[in-house]
Amino acid sequence: MAPTAPPSDAEALTVTGTFNGEAQLEGGCLWLTDGTGQQWEILWPDGYRGGFQDGEPVLISGGALVARGGAMLTVRGTLPTDIGSFCLAGTILRADTLRVANPSPG
């Protein structure tokens, strides 16, 4: 669920959205799309790594697959002001926590 007003960089923000990505965009870009259609480029919490397997977005933790493209994720974090992005896939969110609602759709 997206906020109605942008928080400051110090305010915690929770975003729930569909995990998605494009392997060919700038060498591979991943994002969440929330219920309003807004895209969020996630800086994953410690221990998580996003990537692609056979062109499909995947999220890995501790070497184990935890989510595939289309999964519903909830992340909580802050908006960083000290970095930019090559992907330009949406608003950047530095995630502190992550919860996977469904590892892979349907």
PDB file of N, CA and C in Angstrom:
ATOM      1  N   MET A   1       0.839  -1.155   0.000  1.00  0.00           N
ATOM      2  CA  MET A   1       0.000   0.000   0.000  1.00  0.00           C
ATOM      3  C   MET A   1       0.895   1.232   0.000  1.00  0.00           C
ATOM      4  N   ALA A   2       0.739   2.065  -0.966  1.00  0.00           N
ATOM      5  CA  ALA A   2       1.593   3.243  -1.105  1.00  0.00           C
ATOM      6  C   ALA A   2       1.123   4.350  -0.181  1.00  0.00           C
ATOM      7  N   PRO A   3       2.069   5.167   0.272  1.00  0.00           N
ATOM      8  CA  PRO A   3       1.688   6.303   1.114  1.00  0.00           C
ATOM      9  C   PRO A   3       0.979   7.352   0.280  1.00  0.00           C
ATOM     10  N   THR A   4       0.215   8.223   0.940  1.00  0.00           N
ATOM     11  CA  THR A   4      -0.475   9.278   0.211  1.00  0.00           C
ATOM     12  C   THR A   4       0.426  10.485   0.014  1.00  0.00           C
ATOM     13  N   ALA A   5       1.446  10.642   0.848  1.00  0.00           N
ATOM     14  CA  ALA A   5       2.405  11.732   0.697  1.00  0.00           C
ATOM     15  C   ALA A   5       3.807  11.164   0.864  1.00  0.00           C
ATOM     16  N   PRO A   6       4.767  11.673   0.112  1.00  0.00           N
ATOM     17  CA  PRO A   6       6.118  11.145   0.246  1.00  0.00           C
ATOM     18  C   PRO A   6       6.692  11.431   1.622  1.00  0.00           C
ATOM     19  N   PRO A   7       7.290  10.431   2.260  1.00  0.00           N
ATOM     20  CA  PRO A   7       7.908  10.659   3.559  1.00  0.00           C
ATOM     21  C   PRO A   7       9.269  11.314   3.397  1.00  0.00           C
ATOM     22  N   SER A   8       9.801  11.872   4.474  1.00  0.00           N
ATOM     23  CA  SER A   8      11.170  12.376   4.433  1.00  0.00           C
ATOM     24  C   SER A   8      12.111  11.182   4.466  1.00  0.00           C
ATOM     25  N   ASP A   9      13.435  11.438   4.228  1.00  0.00           N
ATOM     26  CA  ASP A   9      14.351  10.306   4.190  1.00  0.00           C
ATOM     27  C   ASP A   9      14.443   9.577   5.524  1.00  0.00           C
ATOM     28  N   ALA A  10      14.131  10.232   6.622  1.00  0.00           N
ATOM     29  CA  ALA A  10      14.257   9.600   7.932  1.00  0.00           C
ATOM     30  C   ALA A  10      13.032   8.779   8.313  1.00  0.00           C
ATOM     31  N   GLU A  11      11.904   9.017   7.670  1.00  0.00           N
ATOM     32  CA  GLU A  11      10.679   8.309   8.015  1.00  0.00           C
ATOM     33  C   GLU A  11      10.658   6.903   7.416  1.00  0.00           C
ATOM     34  N   ALA A  12      10.240   5.947   8.229  1.00  0.00           N
ATOM     35  CA  ALA A  12      10.087   4.581   7.726  1.00  0.00           C
ATOM     36  C   ALA A  12       8.850   4.505   6.849  1.00  0.00           C
ATOM     37  N   LEU A  13       8.925   3.680   5.838  1.00  0.00           N
ATOM     38  CA  LEU A  13       7.867   3.540   4.852  1.00  0.00           C
ATOM     39  C   LEU A  13       7.669   2.057   4.587  1.00  0.00           C
ATOM     40  N   THR A  14       6.421   1.606   4.490  1.00  0.00           N
ATOM     41  CA  THR A  14       6.133   0.217   4.153  1.00  0.00           C
ATOM     42  C   THR A  14       5.440   0.185   2.802  1.00  0.00           C
ATOM     43  N   VAL A  15       5.938  -0.665   1.917  1.00  0.00           N
ATOM     44  CA  VAL A  15       5.377  -0.806   0.574  1.00  0.00           C
ATOM     45  C   VAL A  15       5.095  -2.283   0.320  1.00  0.00           C
ATOM     46  N   THR A  16       3.900  -2.588  -0.152  1.00  0.00           N
ATOM     47  CA  THR A  16       3.535  -3.933  -0.582  1.00  0.00           C
ATOM     48  C   THR A  16       3.300  -3.876  -2.080  1.00  0.00           C
ATOM     49  N   GLY A  17       3.908  -4.810  -2.795  1.00  0.00           N
ATOM     50  CA  GLY A  17       3.730  -4.792  -4.235  1.00  0.00           C
ATOM     51  C   GLY A  17       4.161  -6.088  -4.882  1.00  0.00           C
ATOM     52  N   THR A  18       3.941  -6.146  -6.174  1.00  0.00           N
ATOM     53  CA  THR A  18       4.289  -7.304  -6.986  1.00  0.00           C
ATOM     54  C   THR A  18       5.733  -7.177  -7.439  1.00  0.00           C
ATOM     55  N   PHE A  19       6.517  -8.222  -7.200  1.00  0.00           N
ATOM     56  CA  PHE A  19       7.924  -8.284  -7.578  1.00  0.00           C
ATOM     57  C   PHE A  19       8.022  -8.485  -9.078  1.00  0.00           C
ATOM     58  N   ASN A  20       8.806  -7.628  -9.731  1.00  0.00           N
ATOM     59  CA  ASN A  20       8.918  -7.678 -11.178  1.00  0.00           C
ATOM     60  C   ASN A  20      10.298  -7.227 -11.603  1.00  0.00           C
ATOM     61  N   GLY A  21      10.592  -7.357 -12.867  1.00  0.00           N
ATOM     62  CA  GLY A  21      11.867  -6.891 -13.367  1.00  0.00           C
ATOM     63  C   GLY A  21      12.013  -7.157 -14.841  1.00  0.00           C
ATOM     64  N   GLU A  22      13.107  -6.631 -15.376  1.00  0.00           N
ATOM     65  CA  GLU A  22      13.417  -6.792 -16.785  1.00  0.00           C
ATOM     66  C   GLU A  22      14.916  -7.044 -16.924  1.00  0.00           C
ATOM     67  N   ALA A  23      15.269  -8.232 -17.377  1.00  0.00           N
ATOM     68  CA  ALA A  23      16.674  -8.625 -17.473  1.00  0.00           C
ATOM     69  C   ALA A  23      17.444  -7.793 -18.486  1.00  0.00           C
ATOM     70  N   GLN A  24      16.776  -7.279 -19.515  1.00  0.00           N
ATOM     71  CA  GLN A  24      17.456  -6.534 -20.575  1.00  0.00           C
ATOM     72  C   GLN A  24      17.551  -5.038 -20.299  1.00  0.00           C
ATOM     73  N   LEU A  25      16.883  -4.547 -19.295  1.00  0.00           N
ATOM     74  CA  LEU A  25      16.899  -3.114 -18.982  1.00  0.00           C
ATOM     75  C   LEU A  25      18.147  -2.779 -18.184  1.00  0.00           C
ATOM     76  N   GLU A  26      19.045  -1.994 -18.765  1.00  0.00           N
ATOM     77  CA  GLU A  26      20.272  -1.546 -18.096  1.00  0.00           C
ATOM     78  C   GLU A  26      21.046  -2.689 -17.437  1.00  0.00           C
ATOM     79  N   GLY A  27      21.034  -3.864 -18.038  1.00  0.00           N
ATOM     80  CA  GLY A  27      21.763  -4.999 -17.488  1.00  0.00           C
ATOM     81  C   GLY A  27      21.003  -5.763 -16.422  1.00  0.00           C
ATOM     82  N   GLY A  28      19.745  -5.424 -16.221  1.00  0.00           N
ATOM     83  CA  GLY A  28      18.898  -6.129 -15.258  1.00  0.00           C
ATOM     84  C   GLY A  28      18.404  -5.215 -14.161  1.00  0.00           C
ATOM     85  N   CYS A  29      17.119  -4.960 -14.142  1.00  0.00           N
ATOM     86  CA  CYS A  29      16.519  -4.080 -13.134  1.00  0.00           C
ATOM     87  C   CYS A  29      15.325  -4.782 -12.495  1.00  0.00           C
ATOM     88  N   LEU A  30      15.188  -4.584 -11.182  1.00  0.00           N
ATOM     89  CA  LEU A  30      14.104  -5.193 -10.412  1.00  0.00           C
ATOM     90  C   LEU A  30      13.319  -4.102  -9.700  1.00  0.00           C
ATOM     91  N   TRP A  31      12.020  -4.350  -9.485  1.00  0.00           N
ATOM     92  CA  TRP A  31      11.199  -3.379  -8.790  1.00  0.00           C
ATOM     93  C   TRP A  31       9.955  -4.049  -8.228  1.00  0.00           C
ATOM     94  N   LEU A  32       9.255  -3.317  -7.367  1.00  0.00           N
ATOM     95  CA  LEU A  32       7.914  -3.692  -6.895  1.00  0.00           C
ATOM     96  C   LEU A  32       6.943  -2.715  -7.519  1.00  0.00           C
ATOM     97  N   THR A  33       5.771  -3.195  -7.878  1.00  0.00           N
ATOM     98  CA  THR A  33       4.694  -2.321  -8.336  1.00  0.00           C
ATOM     99  C   THR A  33       3.589  -2.403  -7.303  1.00  0.00           C
ATOM    100  N   ASP A  34       3.288  -1.266  -6.658  1.00  0.00           N
ATOM    101  CA  ASP A  34       2.273  -1.271  -5.601  1.00  0.00           C
ATOM    102  C   ASP A  34       0.866  -1.211  -6.192  1.00  0.00           C
ATOM    103  N   GLY A  35      -0.136  -1.189  -5.338  1.00  0.00           N
ATOM    104  CA  GLY A  35      -1.536  -1.214  -5.754  1.00  0.00           C
ATOM    105  C   GLY A  35      -1.982  -0.016  -6.562  1.00  0.00           C
ATOM    106  N   THR A  36      -1.225   1.085  -6.506  1.00  0.00           N
ATOM    107  CA  THR A  36      -1.570   2.282  -7.284  1.00  0.00           C
ATOM    108  C   THR A  36      -0.860   2.314  -8.626  1.00  0.00           C
ATOM    109  N   GLY A  37       0.025   1.315  -8.857  1.00  0.00           N
ATOM    110  CA  GLY A  37       0.792   1.279 -10.092  1.00  0.00           C
ATOM    111  C   GLY A  37       2.164   1.932  -9.967  1.00  0.00           C
ATOM    112  N   GLN A  38       2.469   2.511  -8.815  1.00  0.00           N
ATOM    113  CA  GLN A  38       3.778   3.129  -8.619  1.00  0.00           C
ATOM    114  C   GLN A  38       4.846   2.044  -8.520  1.00  0.00           C
ATOM    115  N   GLN A  39       5.976   2.290  -9.164  1.00  0.00           N
ATOM    116  CA  GLN A  39       7.088   1.351  -9.117  1.00  0.00           C
ATOM    117  C   GLN A  39       8.109   1.800  -8.086  1.00  0.00           C
ATOM    118  N   TRP A  40       8.690   0.803  -7.398  1.00  0.00           N
ATOM    119  CA  TRP A  40       9.673   1.029  -6.345  1.00  0.00           C
ATOM    120  C   TRP A  40      10.900   0.189  -6.639  1.00  0.00           C
ATOM    121  N   GLU A  41      12.038   0.829  -6.819  1.00  0.00           N
ATOM    122  CA  GLU A  41      13.294   0.108  -6.969  1.00  0.00           C
ATOM    123  C   GLU A  41      13.821  -0.162  -5.566  1.00  0.00           C
ATOM    124  N   ILE A  42      14.027  -1.428  -5.236  1.00  0.00           N
ATOM    125  CA  ILE A  42      14.365  -1.818  -3.870  1.00  0.00           C
ATOM    126  C   ILE A  42      15.862  -2.075  -3.726  1.00  0.00           C
ATOM    127  N   LEU A  43      16.446  -1.489  -2.689  1.00  0.00           N
ATOM    128  CA  LEU A  43      17.776  -1.864  -2.239  1.00  0.00           C
ATOM    129  C   LEU A  43      17.519  -2.902  -1.162  1.00  0.00           C
ATOM    130  N   TRP A  44      17.799  -4.153  -1.447  1.00  0.00           N
ATOM    131  CA  TRP A  44      17.403  -5.279  -0.614  1.00  0.00           C
ATOM    132  C   TRP A  44      18.068  -5.237   0.758  1.00  0.00           C
ATOM    133  N   PRO A  45      17.383  -5.771   1.766  1.00  0.00           N
ATOM    134  CA  PRO A  45      17.979  -5.848   3.108  1.00  0.00           C
ATOM    135  C   PRO A  45      19.200  -6.771   3.101  1.00  0.00           C
ATOM    136  N   ASP A  46      20.027  -6.632   4.124  1.00  0.00           N
ATOM    137  CA  ASP A  46      21.186  -7.516   4.269  1.00  0.00           C
ATOM    138  C   ASP A  46      20.749  -8.974   4.159  1.00  0.00           C
ATOM    139  N   GLY A  47      21.512  -9.747   3.416  1.00  0.00           N
ATOM    140  CA  GLY A  47      21.224 -11.168   3.270  1.00  0.00           C
ATOM    141  C   GLY A  47      20.386 -11.506   2.054  1.00  0.00           C
ATOM    142  N   TYR A  48      19.827 -10.490   1.373  1.00  0.00           N
ATOM    143  CA  TYR A  48      19.005 -10.719   0.184  1.00  0.00           C
ATOM    144  C   TYR A  48      19.736 -10.220  -1.057  1.00  0.00           C
ATOM    145  N   ARG A  49      19.473 -10.898  -2.180  1.00  0.00           N
ATOM    146  CA  ARG A  49      20.070 -10.499  -3.450  1.00  0.00           C
ATOM    147  C   ARG A  49      19.055 -10.761  -4.553  1.00  0.00           C
ATOM    148  N   GLY A  50      18.804  -9.767  -5.361  1.00  0.00           N
ATOM    149  CA  GLY A  50      17.912  -9.930  -6.495  1.00  0.00           C
ATOM    150  C   GLY A  50      18.701 -10.253  -7.744  1.00  0.00           C
ATOM    151  N   GLY A  51      18.075 -10.965  -8.669  1.00  0.00           N
ATOM    152  CA  GLY A  51      18.728 -11.300  -9.924  1.00  0.00           C
ATOM    153  C   GLY A  51      17.743 -11.927 -10.890  1.00  0.00           C
ATOM    154  N   PHE A  52      18.281 -12.673 -11.839  1.00  0.00           N
ATOM    155  CA  PHE A  52      17.446 -13.302 -12.864  1.00  0.00           C
ATOM    156  C   PHE A  52      17.897 -14.739 -13.088  1.00  0.00           C
ATOM    157  N   GLN A  53      16.929 -15.630 -13.276  1.00  0.00           N
ATOM    158  CA  GLN A  53      17.179 -17.014 -13.685  1.00  0.00           C
ATOM    159  C   GLN A  53      16.357 -17.249 -14.930  1.00  0.00           C
ATOM    160  N   ASP A  54      17.019 -17.590 -16.025  1.00  0.00           N
ATOM    161  CA  ASP A  54      16.333 -17.801 -17.309  1.00  0.00           C
ATOM    162  C   ASP A  54      15.454 -16.609 -17.664  1.00  0.00           C
ATOM    163  N   GLY A  55      15.930 -15.394 -17.366  1.00  0.00           N
ATOM    164  CA  GLY A  55      15.204 -14.172 -17.702  1.00  0.00           C
ATOM    165  C   GLY A  55      14.106 -13.796 -16.734  1.00  0.00           C
ATOM    166  N   GLU A  56      13.845 -14.639 -15.732  1.00  0.00           N
ATOM    167  CA  GLU A  56      12.786 -14.372 -14.752  1.00  0.00           C
ATOM    168  C   GLU A  56      13.381 -13.742 -13.488  1.00  0.00           C
ATOM    169  N   PRO A  57      12.730 -12.685 -12.952  1.00  0.00           N
ATOM    170  CA  PRO A  57      13.215 -12.088 -11.706  1.00  0.00           C
ATOM    171  C   PRO A  57      13.159 -13.094 -10.562  1.00  0.00           C
ATOM    172  N   VAL A  58      14.215 -13.102  -9.752  1.00  0.00           N
ATOM    173  CA  VAL A  58      14.262 -13.965  -8.577  1.00  0.00           C
ATOM    174  C   VAL A  58      14.861 -13.178  -7.413  1.00  0.00           C
ATOM    175  N   LEU A  59      14.496 -13.598  -6.211  1.00  0.00           N
ATOM    176  CA  LEU A  59      15.049 -13.040  -4.992  1.00  0.00           C
ATOM    177  C   LEU A  59      15.653 -14.184  -4.204  1.00  0.00           C
ATOM    178  N   ILE A  60      16.916 -14.019  -3.807  1.00  0.00           N
ATOM    179  CA  ILE A  60      17.694 -15.062  -3.150  1.00  0.00           C
ATOM    180  C   ILE A  60      18.068 -14.590  -1.748  1.00  0.00           C
ATOM    181  N   SER A  61      18.033 -15.505  -0.781  1.00  0.00           N
ATOM    182  CA  SER A  61      18.520 -15.223   0.569  1.00  0.00           C
ATOM    183  C   SER A  61      19.279 -16.446   1.062  1.00  0.00           C
ATOM    184  N   GLY A  62      20.519 -16.246   1.479  1.00  0.00           N
ATOM    185  CA  GLY A  62      21.321 -17.360   1.975  1.00  0.00           C
ATOM    186  C   GLY A  62      21.502 -18.462   0.955  1.00  0.00           C
ATOM    187  N   GLY A  63      21.510 -18.111  -0.330  1.00  0.00           N
ATOM    188  CA  GLY A  63      21.663 -19.097  -1.385  1.00  0.00           C
ATOM    189  C   GLY A  63      20.372 -19.782  -1.786  1.00  0.00           C
ATOM    190  N   ALA A  64      19.268 -19.515  -1.068  1.00  0.00           N
ATOM    191  CA  ALA A  64      17.977 -20.154  -1.363  1.00  0.00           C
ATOM    192  C   ALA A  64      17.050 -19.184  -2.094  1.00  0.00           C
ATOM    193  N   LEU A  65      16.310 -19.709  -3.040  1.00  0.00           N
ATOM    194  CA  LEU A  65      15.305 -18.924  -3.759  1.00  0.00           C
ATOM    195  C   LEU A  65      14.138 -18.641  -2.818  1.00  0.00           C
ATOM    196  N   VAL A  66      13.803 -17.359  -2.621  1.00  0.00           N
ATOM    197  CA  VAL A  66      12.684 -17.022  -1.732  1.00  0.00           C
ATOM    198  C   VAL A  66      11.490 -16.427  -2.479  1.00  0.00           C
ATOM    199  N   ALA A  67      11.723 -15.910  -3.700  1.00  0.00           N
ATOM    200  CA  ALA A  67      10.595 -15.356  -4.467  1.00  0.00           C
ATOM    201  C   ALA A  67      10.949 -15.304  -5.947  1.00  0.00           C
ATOM    202  N   ARG A  68       9.916 -15.442  -6.769  1.00  0.00           N
ATOM    203  CA  ARG A  68      10.026 -15.316  -8.228  1.00  0.00           C
ATOM    204  C   ARG A  68       9.189 -14.125  -8.672  1.00  0.00           C
ATOM    205  N   GLY A  69       9.383 -13.716  -9.911  1.00  0.00           N
ATOM    206  CA  GLY A  69       8.584 -12.642 -10.482  1.00  0.00           C
ATOM    207  C   GLY A  69       7.105 -12.916 -10.311  1.00  0.00           C
ATOM    208  N   GLY A  70       6.353 -11.911  -9.912  1.00  0.00           N
ATOM    209  CA  GLY A  70       4.924 -12.052  -9.673  1.00  0.00           C
ATOM    210  C   GLY A  70       4.581 -12.258  -8.213  1.00  0.00           C
ATOM    211  N   ALA A  71       5.596 -12.546  -7.383  1.00  0.00           N
ATOM    212  CA  ALA A  71       5.356 -12.730  -5.942  1.00  0.00           C
ATOM    213  C   ALA A  71       4.952 -11.399  -5.311  1.00  0.00           C
ATOM    214  N   MET A  72       4.196 -11.482  -4.247  1.00  0.00           N
ATOM    215  CA  MET A  72       3.800 -10.297  -3.492  1.00  0.00           C
ATOM    216  C   MET A  72       4.763 -10.135  -2.326  1.00  0.00           C
ATOM    217  N   LEU A  73       5.443  -8.972  -2.273  1.00  0.00           N
ATOM    218  CA  LEU A  73       6.413  -8.692  -1.224  1.00  0.00           C
ATOM    219  C   LEU A  73       5.995  -7.453  -0.443  1.00  0.00           C
ATOM    220  N   THR A  74       6.347  -7.431   0.831  1.00  0.00           N
ATOM    221  CA  THR A  74       6.186  -6.240   1.655  1.00  0.00           C
ATOM    222  C   THR A  74       7.558  -5.872   2.176  1.00  0.00           C
ATOM    223  N   VAL A  75       7.965  -4.638   1.910  1.00  0.00           N
ATOM    224  CA  VAL A  75       9.256  -4.158   2.388  1.00  0.00           C
ATOM    225  C   VAL A  75       9.043  -2.919   3.235  1.00  0.00           C
ATOM    226  N   ARG A  76       9.918  -2.758   4.228  1.00  0.00           N
ATOM    227  CA  ARG A  76       9.888  -1.586   5.081  1.00  0.00           C
ATOM    228  C   ARG A  76      11.277  -0.980   5.068  1.00  0.00           C
ATOM    229  N   GLY A  77      11.344   0.331   4.855  1.00  0.00           N
ATOM    230  CA  GLY A  77      12.639   0.989   4.804  1.00  0.00           C
ATOM    231  C   GLY A  77      12.498   2.489   4.694  1.00  0.00           C
ATOM    232  N   THR A  78      13.537   3.120   4.172  1.00  0.00           N
ATOM    233  CA  THR A  78      13.580   4.576   4.044  1.00  0.00           C
ATOM    234  C   THR A  78      13.988   4.963   2.629  1.00  0.00           C
ATOM    235  N   LEU A  79      13.736   6.205   2.291  1.00  0.00           N
ATOM    236  CA  LEU A  79      14.117   6.733   0.987  1.00  0.00           C
ATOM    237  C   LEU A  79      15.527   7.311   1.085  1.00  0.00           C
ATOM    238  N   PRO A  80      16.496   6.729   0.388  1.00  0.00           N
ATOM    239  CA  PRO A  80      17.857   7.247   0.463  1.00  0.00           C
ATOM    240  C   PRO A  80      17.999   8.527  -0.360  1.00  0.00           C
ATOM    241  N   THR A  81      18.839   9.422   0.098  1.00  0.00           N
ATOM    242  CA  THR A  81      19.101  10.655  -0.653  1.00  0.00           C
ATOM    243  C   THR A  81      20.526  10.680  -1.181  1.00  0.00           C
ATOM    244  N   ASP A  82      21.296   9.636  -0.879  1.00  0.00           N
ATOM    245  CA  ASP A  82      22.716   9.641  -1.200  1.00  0.00           C
ATOM    246  C   ASP A  82      23.094   8.749  -2.377  1.00  0.00           C
ATOM    247  N   ILE A  83      22.105   8.255  -3.140  1.00  0.00           N
ATOM    248  CA  ILE A  83      22.409   7.367  -4.268  1.00  0.00           C
ATOM    249  C   ILE A  83      21.521   7.685  -5.454  1.00  0.00           C
ATOM    250  N   GLY A  84      21.962   7.242  -6.611  1.00  0.00           N
ATOM    251  CA  GLY A  84      21.169   7.344  -7.821  1.00  0.00           C
ATOM    252  C   GLY A  84      20.971   5.952  -8.394  1.00  0.00           C
ATOM    253  N   SER A  85      20.331   5.874  -9.541  1.00  0.00           N
ATOM    254  CA  SER A  85      20.032   4.583 -10.138  1.00  0.00           C
ATOM    255  C   SER A  85      20.200   4.635 -11.643  1.00  0.00           C
ATOM    256  N   PHE A  86      20.769   3.567 -12.202  1.00  0.00           N
ATOM    257  CA  PHE A  86      20.813   3.420 -13.649  1.00  0.00           C
ATOM    258  C   PHE A  86      19.469   2.946 -14.176  1.00  0.00           C
ATOM    259  N   CYS A  87      18.722   2.220 -13.352  1.00  0.00           N
ATOM    260  CA  CYS A  87      17.471   1.617 -13.795  1.00  0.00           C
ATOM    261  C   CYS A  87      16.362   2.636 -14.006  1.00  0.00           C
ATOM    262  N   LEU A  88      16.275   3.612 -13.132  1.00  0.00           N
ATOM    263  CA  LEU A  88      15.183   4.589 -13.184  1.00  0.00           C
ATOM    264  C   LEU A  88      13.840   3.882 -13.260  1.00  0.00           C
ATOM    265  N   ALA A  89      13.716   2.795 -12.487  1.00  0.00           N
ATOM    266  CA  ALA A  89      12.514   1.966 -12.498  1.00  0.00           C
ATOM    267  C   ALA A  89      11.452   2.484 -11.539  1.00  0.00           C
ATOM    268  N   GLY A  90      11.740   3.513 -10.777  1.00  0.00           N
ATOM    269  CA  GLY A  90      10.783   4.041  -9.817  1.00  0.00           C
ATOM    270  C   GLY A  90      11.507   4.682  -8.657  1.00  0.00           C
ATOM    271  N   THR A  91      10.782   4.956  -7.607  1.00  0.00           N
ATOM    272  CA  THR A  91      11.347   5.533  -6.399  1.00  0.00           C
ATOM    273  C   THR A  91      12.220   4.501  -5.703  1.00  0.00           C
ATOM    274  N   ILE A  92      13.408   4.903  -5.291  1.00  0.00           N
ATOM    275  CA  ILE A  92      14.320   3.975  -4.616  1.00  0.00           C
ATOM    276  C   ILE A  92      13.933   3.876  -3.146  1.00  0.00           C
ATOM    277  N   LEU A  93      13.858   2.649  -2.651  1.00  0.00           N
ATOM    278  CA  LEU A  93      13.566   2.386  -1.246  1.00  0.00           C
ATOM    279  C   LEU A  93      14.654   1.483  -0.688  1.00  0.00           C
ATOM    280  N   ARG A  94      15.348   1.943   0.346  1.00  0.00           N
ATOM    281  CA  ARG A  94      16.363   1.132   1.031  1.00  0.00           C
ATOM    282  C   ARG A  94      15.637   0.300   2.084  1.00  0.00           C
ATOM    283  N   ALA A  95      15.481  -0.988   1.819  1.00  0.00           N
ATOM    284  CA  ALA A  95      14.672  -1.864   2.682  1.00  0.00           C
ATOM    285  C   ALA A  95      15.476  -2.346   3.884  1.00  0.00           C
ATOM    286  N   ASP A  96      14.845  -2.295   5.046  1.00  0.00           N
ATOM    287  CA  ASP A  96      15.420  -2.856   6.273  1.00  0.00           C
ATOM    288  C   ASP A  96      14.853  -4.241   6.541  1.00  0.00           C
ATOM    289  N   THR A  97      13.580  -4.432   6.194  1.00  0.00           N
ATOM    290  CA  THR A  97      12.922  -5.722   6.390  1.00  0.00           C
ATOM    291  C   THR A  97      12.146  -6.092   5.138  1.00  0.00           C
ATOM    292  N   LEU A  98      11.902  -7.388   4.998  1.00  0.00           N
ATOM    293  CA  LEU A  98      11.190  -7.886   3.829  1.00  0.00           C
ATOM    294  C   LEU A  98      10.359  -9.088   4.247  1.00  0.00           C
ATOM    295  N   ARG A  99       9.140  -9.154   3.715  1.00  0.00           N
ATOM    296  CA  ARG A  99       8.268 -10.302   3.947  1.00  0.00           C
ATOM    297  C   ARG A  99       7.696 -10.742   2.608  1.00  0.00           C
ATOM    298  N   VAL A 100       7.728 -12.038   2.363  1.00  0.00           N
ATOM    299  CA  VAL A 100       7.191 -12.601   1.130  1.00  0.00           C
ATOM    300  C   VAL A 100       5.806 -13.141   1.425  1.00  0.00           C
ATOM    301  N   ALA A 101       4.779 -12.584   0.775  1.00  0.00           N
ATOM    302  CA  ALA A 101       3.400 -13.029   1.011  1.00  0.00           C
ATOM    303  C   ALA A 101       3.122 -14.331   0.246  1.00  0.00           C
ATOM    304  N   ASN A 102       3.613 -14.409  -0.989  1.00  0.00           N
ATOM    305  CA  ASN A 102       3.478 -15.642  -1.775  1.00  0.00           C
ATOM    306  C   ASN A 102       4.732 -15.763  -2.631  1.00  0.00           C
ATOM    307  N   PRO A 103       5.532 -16.800  -2.453  1.00  0.00           N
ATOM    308  CA  PRO A 103       6.814 -16.933  -3.144  1.00  0.00           C
ATOM    309  C   PRO A 103       6.702 -16.932  -4.666  1.00  0.00           C
ATOM    310  N   SER A 104       5.667 -17.509  -5.196  1.00  0.00           N
ATOM    311  CA  SER A 104       5.441 -17.467  -6.626  1.00  0.00           C
ATOM    312  C   SER A 104       3.940 -17.522  -6.856  1.00  0.00           C
ATOM    313  N   PRO A 105       3.474 -16.757  -7.832  1.00  0.00           N
ATOM    314  CA  PRO A 105       2.032 -16.667  -8.061  1.00  0.00           C
ATOM    315  C   PRO A 105       1.432 -17.994  -8.524  1.00  0.00           C
ATOM    316  N   GLY A 106       0.168 -18.106  -8.189  1.00  0.00           N
ATOM    317  CA  GLY A 106      -0.716 -19.090  -8.547  1.00  0.00           C
ATOM    318  C   GLY A 106      -0.541 -20.423  -8.927  1.00  0.00           C
TER     319      GLY A 106
END
